[in-house]
Amino acid sequence: MSFEEQSLYPIKFKPRLKEMLWGGKALKTKYGKDVAEGKKIGESWEISGVDGDKSIVSNGFLKGNDLEEIVEIYMGDLVGDRVYEKFGTEFPLLVKIIDANDVLSVQVHPGDTLAAERHHAWGKTEMWVVLEAADDALIYTGFRNRISKEEYVQYLEEKKVNSVLNATRVKPGDVFFIPAGLVHAIGAGVILAEIQQTSDITYRIYDWDRKDANGKSRQLHIDLALDAIDFNMTDSMLIRKETVLNSTVELKTCDYFSTSLIKFDHPIIKDYSLTDSFVIFMCIESSAIIECFGKQENIKKGETVLIPASAESVTIIPIGTASLLEIYIPN
């Protein structure tokens, strides 16, 4: 029997774990990732279509195939007709869990136009959902006040650029929208889910004067960043929404993705007949059973599953009280 003749199902992938200078142990101890002893893992790439880092299926008859291969086979049935028409076999989202055991660099991402000109790639707009945060944890987003390019350069030369950024003390459930052009950094003590365009382009502006294990500073991209920064962005981009039990609460919808939170303690049937997009569920609390095409898949805290676009409805059954992030490409 060929792949095409077998019905699709909730698809899971093997996470791609990224060792980072600022990473910690939480992705192993709290989110069940298979981390080798002594490794400081900063990012778990849950679903990725990035070249060189394409996700590999870990369950079902598609096990061992990478994400691009299964998009090539199933096309619109997997990702949605309109999504396939626009992106082809390139999966349009990258979904991560990030453990910022130490502060990340201050950085910015280019938009689609600049990224296409410089890198022949998509730009990088993203969003964060804070899963855990230390009492004094901060997230830096945008400038406190409108600033000129010349003023910015002066602050950069004086190594004080962080002093002109919005610094928000964060708590679990906080959401930040990070459009291309917004200067930003994740502070120490934050674990978050990141949903972004498929792009690995980051311009590092300031790295808190730290050195790596060999005593070297990481590369900065000050000149590249200068044209990418939107100096008019003075909003912290913080979103705070009340959770409604057994309801879907939209967190953020933009041109690139729509993300909602589902907190539930009894089974819910989701109708996706008009969505024309794949759906990603990331479990961030407890566990649940995902059912579609007459097949079931368990998903526990820290796990992510891809629902093919051809699934017109999905039943999600909580174990206790569960929370899922629901992510798809909006019409």
Protein backbone atom coordinates (compact mmCIF):
# COMPACT_ATOMS: atom_id res chain seq x y z
CA MET A 1 0.00 0.00 0.00
CA SER A 2 1.40 3.40 -0.98
CA PHE A 3 1.56 6.41 1.35
CA GLU A 4 -1.24 8.14 -0.56
CA GLU A 5 -3.60 5.19 0.04
CA GLN A 6 -3.14 5.26 3.82
CA SER A 7 -5.18 7.79 5.77
CA LEU A 8 -3.43 10.58 7.58
CA TYR A 9 -3.39 10.96 11.36
CA PRO A 10 -2.13 13.30 14.13
CA ILE A 11 1.58 13.52 13.30
CA LYS A 12 4.35 13.90 15.88
CA PHE A 13 7.97 14.80 15.24
CA LYS A 14 11.30 14.30 16.95
CA PRO A 15 12.32 17.62 18.53
CA ARG A 16 15.55 19.21 17.33
CA LEU A 17 17.43 20.32 20.45
CA LYS A 18 19.76 23.33 20.26
CA GLU A 19 22.61 23.80 22.72
CA MET A 20 22.96 27.49 23.59
CA LEU A 21 25.28 29.60 25.72
CA TRP A 22 22.22 30.83 27.63
CA GLY A 23 20.35 27.48 27.81
CA GLY A 24 19.56 25.38 30.86
CA LYS A 25 18.18 22.05 32.02
CA ALA A 26 14.45 22.80 32.11
CA LEU A 27 13.65 21.31 28.71
CA LYS A 28 14.82 17.97 30.09
CA THR A 29 13.58 18.19 33.68
CA LYS A 30 10.24 19.95 33.09
CA TYR A 31 9.34 19.25 29.45
CA GLY A 32 10.61 15.70 29.00
CA LYS A 33 13.14 16.33 26.24
CA ASP A 34 15.79 13.68 25.64
CA VAL A 35 18.86 15.74 26.56
CA ALA A 36 22.35 14.30 27.01
CA GLU A 37 23.91 14.83 30.43
CA GLY A 38 25.65 18.19 30.83
CA LYS A 39 24.10 19.81 27.74
CA LYS A 40 22.69 23.35 28.12
CA ILE A 41 19.70 23.26 25.78
CA GLY A 42 18.18 26.61 24.94
CA GLU A 43 15.69 25.64 22.22
CA SER A 44 13.58 22.65 21.27
CA TRP A 45 12.51 23.02 17.65
CA GLU A 46 9.19 21.20 17.78
CA ILE A 47 8.17 21.56 14.12
CA SER A 48 10.64 22.93 11.61
CA GLY A 49 10.91 23.23 7.86
CA VAL A 50 14.22 25.13 8.04
CA ASP A 51 16.89 23.78 5.67
CA GLY A 52 19.27 21.54 7.58
CA ASP A 53 16.83 21.28 10.47
CA LYS A 54 13.73 19.70 8.95
CA SER A 55 11.59 17.83 11.46
CA ILE A 56 11.50 14.01 11.25
CA VAL A 57 8.20 12.18 11.85
CA SER A 58 8.34 10.04 15.02
CA ASN A 59 5.01 8.15 14.87
CA GLY A 60 2.78 6.18 12.50
CA PHE A 61 3.52 4.87 9.03
CA LEU A 62 5.25 8.13 8.03
CA LYS A 63 7.89 7.65 10.76
CA GLY A 64 11.39 8.52 9.51
CA ASN A 65 10.22 10.87 6.75
CA ASP A 66 11.02 14.55 7.05
CA LEU A 67 8.45 17.33 6.97
CA GLU A 68 9.27 18.47 3.43
CA GLU A 69 8.90 14.91 2.11
CA ILE A 70 5.42 14.47 3.55
CA VAL A 71 4.32 17.91 2.31
CA GLU A 72 5.54 16.86 -1.14
CA ILE A 73 3.44 13.68 -0.96
CA TYR A 74 0.22 15.05 0.54
CA MET A 75 0.37 18.72 -0.55
CA GLY A 76 -2.90 20.51 0.26
CA ASP A 77 -4.28 17.55 2.19
CA LEU A 78 -1.52 18.08 4.73
CA VAL A 79 -0.99 21.86 4.82
CA GLY A 80 -4.12 23.26 3.13
CA ASP A 81 -4.66 24.12 -0.53
CA ARG A 82 -4.08 27.86 -0.18
CA VAL A 83 -1.02 27.27 2.04
CA TYR A 84 0.47 24.85 -0.50
CA GLU A 85 -0.27 27.27 -3.33
CA LYS A 86 1.74 30.00 -1.56
CA PHE A 87 4.59 28.04 0.05
CA GLY A 88 4.87 24.83 -1.95
CA THR A 89 6.82 22.17 -0.05
CA GLU A 90 8.29 24.73 2.36
CA PHE A 91 6.50 24.46 5.71
CA PRO A 92 5.63 28.07 6.66
CA LEU A 93 5.99 27.98 10.48
CA LEU A 94 8.72 27.17 12.99
CA VAL A 95 7.48 26.29 16.48
CA LYS A 96 9.84 26.14 19.47
CA ILE A 97 10.05 25.88 23.23
CA ILE A 98 12.77 28.17 24.61
CA ASP A 99 14.51 27.91 27.99
CA ALA A 100 16.25 31.21 28.75
CA ASN A 101 18.33 30.18 31.74
CA ASP A 102 20.37 33.33 31.06
CA VAL A 103 19.44 36.51 29.18
CA LEU A 104 19.41 36.28 25.38
CA SER A 105 21.11 38.83 23.17
CA VAL A 106 19.30 42.01 22.14
CA GLN A 107 18.32 41.37 18.53
CA VAL A 108 16.06 42.21 15.62
CA HIS A 109 14.72 40.30 12.61
CA PRO A 110 14.29 41.59 9.05
CA GLY A 111 10.93 41.71 7.30
CA ASP A 112 10.05 39.80 4.14
CA THR A 113 11.35 42.42 1.69
CA LEU A 114 14.75 42.91 3.33
CA ALA A 115 15.18 39.17 3.98
CA ALA A 116 14.39 38.39 0.33
CA GLU A 117 16.92 40.98 -0.89
CA ARG A 118 19.72 39.89 1.44
CA HIS A 119 19.12 36.21 2.12
CA HIS A 120 16.59 34.95 -0.48
CA ALA A 121 14.46 33.95 2.50
CA TRP A 122 11.31 34.87 4.38
CA GLY A 123 11.44 37.52 7.08
CA LYS A 124 10.81 36.71 10.70
CA THR A 125 7.71 37.82 12.57
CA GLU A 126 7.09 35.82 15.72
CA MET A 127 5.18 35.65 18.99
CA TRP A 128 5.91 34.37 22.47
CA VAL A 129 3.68 32.70 25.03
CA VAL A 130 5.30 32.73 28.48
CA LEU A 131 5.03 29.28 30.09
CA GLU A 132 7.11 29.88 33.21
CA ALA A 133 8.88 32.90 34.67
CA ALA A 134 11.05 33.62 37.70
CA ASP A 135 9.71 36.31 40.03
CA ASP A 136 12.00 39.03 38.65
CA ALA A 137 12.11 37.81 35.03
CA LEU A 138 12.04 40.47 32.30
CA ILE A 139 11.31 40.59 28.60
CA TYR A 140 12.61 43.49 26.51
CA THR A 141 10.50 44.66 23.55
CA GLY A 142 10.64 47.90 21.58
CA PHE A 143 11.90 51.32 22.63
CA ARG A 144 10.53 53.23 25.62
CA ASN A 145 10.32 56.37 23.51
CA ARG A 146 10.75 57.20 19.85
CA ILE A 147 14.46 57.29 19.11
CA SER A 148 16.50 58.45 16.12
CA LYS A 149 18.96 56.22 14.33
CA GLU A 150 21.77 58.50 15.51
CA GLU A 151 20.67 58.30 19.16
CA TYR A 152 20.42 54.54 18.90
CA VAL A 153 23.97 54.27 17.54
CA GLN A 154 25.25 56.39 20.42
CA TYR A 155 23.55 54.16 23.01
CA LEU A 156 24.96 51.13 21.23
CA GLU A 157 28.51 52.52 21.31
CA GLU A 158 28.12 53.23 25.03
CA LYS A 159 26.78 49.68 25.57
CA LYS A 160 23.58 51.10 27.01
CA VAL A 161 21.05 50.09 24.36
CA ASN A 162 19.16 47.93 26.86
CA SER A 163 18.48 51.05 28.95
CA VAL A 164 16.21 52.52 26.24
CA LEU A 165 14.11 49.36 25.73
CA ASN A 166 10.76 48.58 27.31
CA ALA A 167 11.46 46.08 30.10
CA THR A 168 8.37 44.16 31.23
CA ARG A 169 8.25 41.98 34.33
CA VAL A 170 6.50 38.87 33.08
CA LYS A 171 4.32 36.09 34.40
CA PRO A 172 3.04 32.80 32.93
CA GLY A 173 0.33 33.40 30.34
CA ASP A 174 1.79 36.68 29.08
CA VAL A 175 1.93 36.94 25.29
CA PHE A 176 4.26 39.13 23.25
CA PHE A 177 3.92 39.86 19.54
CA ILE A 178 7.33 40.40 17.91
CA PRO A 179 6.91 41.80 14.39
CA ALA A 180 9.95 42.10 12.14
CA GLY A 181 11.76 45.33 12.98
CA LEU A 182 11.06 45.20 16.73
CA VAL A 183 14.19 45.16 18.89
CA HIS A 184 13.78 42.52 21.60
CA ALA A 185 15.40 40.16 24.12
CA ILE A 186 14.24 37.39 26.46
CA GLY A 187 15.47 37.83 30.03
CA ALA A 188 16.86 35.14 32.32
CA GLY A 189 14.41 32.82 34.05
CA VAL A 190 11.81 32.65 31.25
CA ILE A 191 10.49 29.54 29.50
CA LEU A 192 8.25 30.27 26.53
CA ALA A 193 6.68 28.90 23.38
CA GLU A 194 7.71 30.67 20.20
CA ILE A 195 5.67 30.67 16.99
CA GLN A 196 7.37 32.25 13.98
CA GLN A 197 7.75 32.35 10.24
CA THR A 198 10.09 29.74 8.81
CA SER A 199 13.27 31.75 9.02
CA ASP A 200 16.47 31.49 11.00
CA ILE A 201 17.67 35.04 10.33
CA THR A 202 18.60 36.98 13.46
CA TYR A 203 20.63 40.17 13.69
CA ARG A 204 22.38 40.28 17.06
CA ILE A 205 22.80 43.86 18.35
CA TYR A 206 24.14 43.54 21.89
CA ASP A 207 25.18 40.45 23.87
CA TRP A 208 25.68 41.86 27.37
CA ASP A 209 29.50 41.75 26.90
CA ARG A 210 29.62 38.01 27.62
CA LYS A 211 32.17 35.53 26.34
CA ASP A 212 31.83 31.91 25.30
CA ALA A 213 33.76 28.97 26.80
CA ASN A 214 36.79 29.97 24.71
CA GLY A 215 36.73 33.57 25.91
CA LYS A 216 35.35 34.88 22.61
CA SER A 217 32.45 37.27 22.10
CA ARG A 218 29.66 36.14 19.81
CA GLN A 219 29.37 37.80 16.42
CA LEU A 220 27.26 40.96 16.29
CA HIS A 221 25.35 42.19 13.21
CA ILE A 222 25.20 45.90 14.00
CA ASP A 223 25.33 47.21 10.42
CA LEU A 224 22.81 44.67 9.08
CA ALA A 225 20.46 45.45 11.96
CA LEU A 226 20.52 49.20 11.37
CA ASP A 227 18.34 48.94 8.25
CA ALA A 228 16.07 46.29 9.80
CA ILE A 229 15.09 48.20 12.96
CA ASP A 230 11.83 50.15 13.06
CA PHE A 231 12.73 53.06 15.32
CA ASN A 232 9.08 54.04 15.67
CA MET A 233 8.16 50.86 17.56
CA THR A 234 7.62 52.03 21.12
CA ASP A 235 4.90 49.58 22.15
CA SER A 236 5.90 46.71 24.47
CA MET A 237 3.62 44.43 22.39
CA LEU A 238 2.39 42.76 25.58
CA ILE A 239 -0.93 40.91 25.34
CA ARG A 240 -2.74 39.71 28.45
CA LYS A 241 -5.94 37.71 28.05
CA GLU A 242 -8.19 36.00 30.58
CA THR A 243 -8.38 32.22 30.25
CA VAL A 244 -11.91 30.86 29.77
CA LEU A 245 -12.28 27.20 30.73
CA ASN A 246 -13.54 24.96 27.90
CA SER A 247 -13.31 27.78 25.37
CA THR A 248 -10.83 28.79 22.69
CA VAL A 249 -9.26 32.17 23.52
CA GLU A 250 -7.51 33.89 20.61
CA LEU A 251 -4.11 35.22 21.68
CA LYS A 252 -2.83 36.78 18.44
CA THR A 253 -3.67 36.66 14.75
CA CYS A 254 -1.48 38.30 12.12
CA ASP A 255 -0.75 37.69 8.43
CA TYR A 256 1.53 34.76 9.24
CA PHE A 257 -0.18 32.77 12.01
CA SER A 258 -3.10 32.62 14.39
CA THR A 259 -2.52 31.31 17.91
CA SER A 260 -5.15 30.55 20.54
CA LEU A 261 -5.20 28.96 23.99
CA ILE A 262 -7.55 26.10 24.83
CA LYS A 263 -7.84 25.27 28.55
CA PHE A 264 -10.34 22.47 29.08
CA ASP A 265 -11.49 19.78 31.50
CA HIS A 266 -13.96 17.95 29.29
CA PRO A 267 -13.83 16.78 25.64
CA ILE A 268 -14.08 19.42 22.92
CA ILE A 269 -14.83 18.92 19.23
CA LYS A 270 -13.08 21.46 16.98
CA ASP A 271 -14.54 22.15 13.53
CA TYR A 272 -11.79 22.90 10.99
CA SER A 273 -13.85 22.34 7.85
CA LEU A 274 -13.41 25.97 6.68
CA THR A 275 -9.86 26.55 7.96
CA ASP A 276 -7.94 25.24 4.89
CA SER A 277 -4.75 25.01 6.97
CA PHE A 278 -2.86 22.47 9.02
CA VAL A 279 -3.32 22.92 12.78
CA ILE A 280 -0.56 22.57 15.37
CA PHE A 281 -1.34 21.68 18.97
CA MET A 282 1.33 22.25 21.61
CA CYS A 283 0.49 20.87 25.05
CA ILE A 284 1.57 23.26 27.81
CA GLU A 285 -0.32 21.79 30.78
CA SER A 286 -1.20 18.20 31.74
CA SER A 287 -1.96 15.92 28.75
CA ALA A 288 -4.68 15.13 26.25
CA ILE A 289 -5.80 12.67 23.60
CA ILE A 290 -6.08 14.04 20.05
CA GLU A 291 -8.48 12.17 17.77
CA CYS A 292 -9.03 12.59 14.03
CA PHE A 293 -9.40 10.30 10.98
CA GLY A 294 -10.56 7.69 13.52
CA LYS A 295 -7.08 7.60 15.07
CA GLN A 296 -5.84 8.77 18.47
CA GLU A 297 -2.57 10.23 19.67
CA ASN A 298 -1.61 11.15 23.22
CA ILE A 299 0.10 14.49 23.76
CA LYS A 300 1.65 15.49 27.08
CA LYS A 301 3.14 18.72 28.41
CA GLY A 302 6.02 19.76 26.17
CA GLU A 303 4.83 17.76 23.15
CA THR A 304 3.55 19.05 19.82
CA VAL A 305 1.37 17.42 17.17
CA LEU A 306 0.48 18.40 13.60
CA ILE A 307 -3.12 17.94 12.44
CA PRO A 308 -3.41 17.62 8.64
CA ALA A 309 -5.59 20.19 6.87
CA SER A 310 -7.88 17.46 5.54
CA ALA A 311 -9.15 16.78 9.09
CA GLU A 312 -12.55 18.48 9.10
CA SER A 313 -13.02 17.94 12.83
CA VAL A 314 -10.77 17.01 15.74
CA THR A 315 -11.80 15.74 19.16
CA ILE A 316 -9.52 16.70 22.04
CA ILE A 317 -9.96 14.82 25.32
CA PRO A 318 -8.19 16.23 28.39
CA ILE A 319 -6.49 14.21 31.10
CA GLY A 320 -7.52 16.28 34.10
CA THR A 321 -7.38 19.97 33.18
CA ALA A 322 -5.21 20.43 30.09
CA SER A 323 -4.00 23.45 28.13
CA LEU A 324 -3.09 23.47 24.45
CA LEU A 325 -1.85 26.15 22.12
CA GLU A 326 -3.69 25.98 18.79
CA ILE A 327 -1.76 27.36 15.82
CA TYR A 328 -2.67 27.63 12.12
CA ILE A 329 -2.33 29.87 9.06
CA PRO A 330 -5.31 32.30 8.97
CA ASN A 331 -7.36 33.02 5.86
